[in-house]
Protein backbone atom coordinates (compact mmCIF):
# COMPACT_ATOMS: atom_id res chain seq x y z
CA UNK A 1 6.23 -17.84 -29.17
CA UNK A 2 5.23 -16.88 -25.62
CA UNK A 3 2.25 -14.63 -24.92
CA UNK A 4 1.04 -12.55 -22.00
CA UNK A 5 -2.29 -11.47 -20.52
CA UNK A 6 -2.59 -8.15 -18.73
CA UNK A 7 -5.35 -6.49 -16.75
CA UNK A 8 -5.43 -2.88 -15.61
CA UNK A 9 -8.16 -1.41 -13.37
CA UNK A 10 -8.67 2.21 -12.43
CA UNK A 11 -10.65 2.84 -9.24
CA UNK A 12 -12.11 6.23 -8.38
CA UNK A 13 -11.45 7.42 -4.84
CA UNK A 14 -13.62 10.51 -5.22
CA UNK A 15 -12.58 14.15 -5.40
CA UNK A 16 -10.88 13.50 -8.75
CA UNK A 17 -8.50 11.00 -7.14
CA UNK A 18 -7.87 7.58 -8.64
CA UNK A 19 -5.77 4.54 -7.91
CA UNK A 20 -4.70 2.01 -10.54
CA UNK A 21 -3.92 -1.67 -10.01
CA UNK A 22 -2.82 -4.20 -12.57
CA UNK A 23 -1.62 -7.72 -13.09
CA UNK A 24 0.23 -9.51 -15.88
CA UNK A 25 0.81 -13.17 -16.66
CA UNK A 26 3.86 -13.57 -18.86
CA UNK A 27 5.43 -16.38 -20.87
CA UNK A 28 2.18 -18.22 -21.57
CA UNK A 29 2.72 -20.88 -24.22
CA UNK A 30 1.07 -19.87 -27.50
CA UNK A 31 -0.99 -23.07 -27.70
CA UNK A 32 -2.54 -22.26 -24.30
CA UNK A 33 -3.57 -18.76 -25.32
CA UNK A 34 -6.12 -20.27 -27.73
CA UNK A 35 -7.80 -22.32 -24.97
CA UNK A 36 -10.80 -20.14 -24.06
CA UNK A 37 -11.41 -21.84 -20.71
CA UNK A 38 -7.74 -21.48 -19.70
CA UNK A 39 -7.68 -17.80 -20.69
CA UNK A 40 -11.00 -17.21 -18.92
CA UNK A 41 -9.60 -18.76 -15.73
CA UNK A 42 -6.50 -16.57 -15.90
CA UNK A 43 -8.62 -13.46 -16.52
CA UNK A 44 -10.84 -14.27 -13.54
CA UNK A 45 -7.77 -14.89 -11.36
CA UNK A 46 -6.35 -11.53 -12.45
CA UNK A 47 -9.63 -9.75 -11.81
CA UNK A 48 -9.96 -11.28 -8.35
CA UNK A 49 -6.34 -10.47 -7.52
CA UNK A 50 -6.72 -6.83 -8.54
CA UNK A 51 -9.99 -6.52 -6.63
CA UNK A 52 -8.32 -7.98 -3.52
CA UNK A 53 -5.46 -5.47 -3.86
CA UNK A 54 -7.95 -2.61 -4.06
CA UNK A 55 -9.78 -3.82 -0.94
CA UNK A 56 -6.46 -4.26 0.89
CA UNK A 57 -5.55 -0.72 -0.13
CA UNK A 58 -8.80 0.60 1.34
CA UNK A 59 -8.23 -1.40 4.54
CA UNK A 60 -4.67 -0.10 4.82
CA UNK A 61 -5.89 3.46 4.39
CA UNK A 62 -8.58 3.02 7.03
CA UNK A 63 -6.71 0.92 9.60
CA UNK A 64 -3.24 2.43 9.41
CA UNK A 65 -3.48 5.99 8.10
CA UNK A 66 -6.78 7.59 9.14
CA UNK A 67 -6.24 10.34 11.69
CA UNK A 68 -2.51 10.62 11.08
CA UNK A 69 -0.82 13.65 9.62
CA UNK A 70 1.32 13.24 6.53
CA UNK A 71 4.56 12.65 8.46
CA UNK A 72 3.02 10.05 10.78
CA UNK A 73 1.37 8.28 7.85
CA UNK A 74 4.63 8.17 5.93
CA UNK A 75 6.47 6.83 8.97
CA UNK A 76 3.87 4.07 9.36
CA UNK A 77 4.11 3.18 5.67
CA UNK A 78 7.90 2.85 5.99
CA UNK A 79 7.42 0.57 9.02
CA UNK A 80 4.96 -1.62 7.11
CA UNK A 81 7.24 -1.72 4.08
CA UNK A 82 10.20 -2.78 6.23
CA UNK A 83 8.11 -5.49 7.92
CA UNK A 84 7.08 -6.86 4.52
CA UNK A 85 10.67 -6.76 3.28
CA UNK A 86 11.88 -8.65 6.36
CA UNK A 87 9.10 -11.22 5.92
CA UNK A 88 10.03 -11.77 2.27
CA UNK A 89 13.74 -12.06 3.07
CA UNK A 90 12.98 -14.56 5.84
CA UNK A 91 10.95 -16.72 3.47
CA UNK A 92 13.65 -16.54 0.81
CA UNK A 93 16.28 -17.54 3.38
CA UNK A 94 14.15 -20.53 4.45
CA UNK A 95 13.77 -21.59 0.81
CA UNK A 96 17.52 -21.23 0.30
CA UNK A 97 18.16 -23.35 3.40
CA UNK A 98 15.80 -26.05 2.09
CA UNK A 99 17.65 -26.08 -1.25
CA UNK A 100 21.01 -26.37 0.50
CA UNK A 101 19.71 -29.21 2.68
CA UNK A 102 18.52 -31.11 -0.41
CA UNK A 103 21.95 -30.77 -2.04
CA UNK A 104 23.71 -32.21 0.99
């Protein structure tokens, strides 16, 4: 049976505003879930990952959105999203090309 480990953190932004970040490792072999050191390492990795996401969120807010009205901020978020999408697709295409080269 496969297991999973999940972490969920709620950060207060002040003025009754919050942001939630989480992470989940899935399909962990059952025998590994009983290894305390292994589970501790995964938990620390999850905690660090969530903390990094929170800090990146704060940086994004400060660097990209401060001083912009709602429409400008939304436009910038769309631009950033599209850039990330293009970056991901480019990497996937490179991986696909590598796989095709190996098959030939």
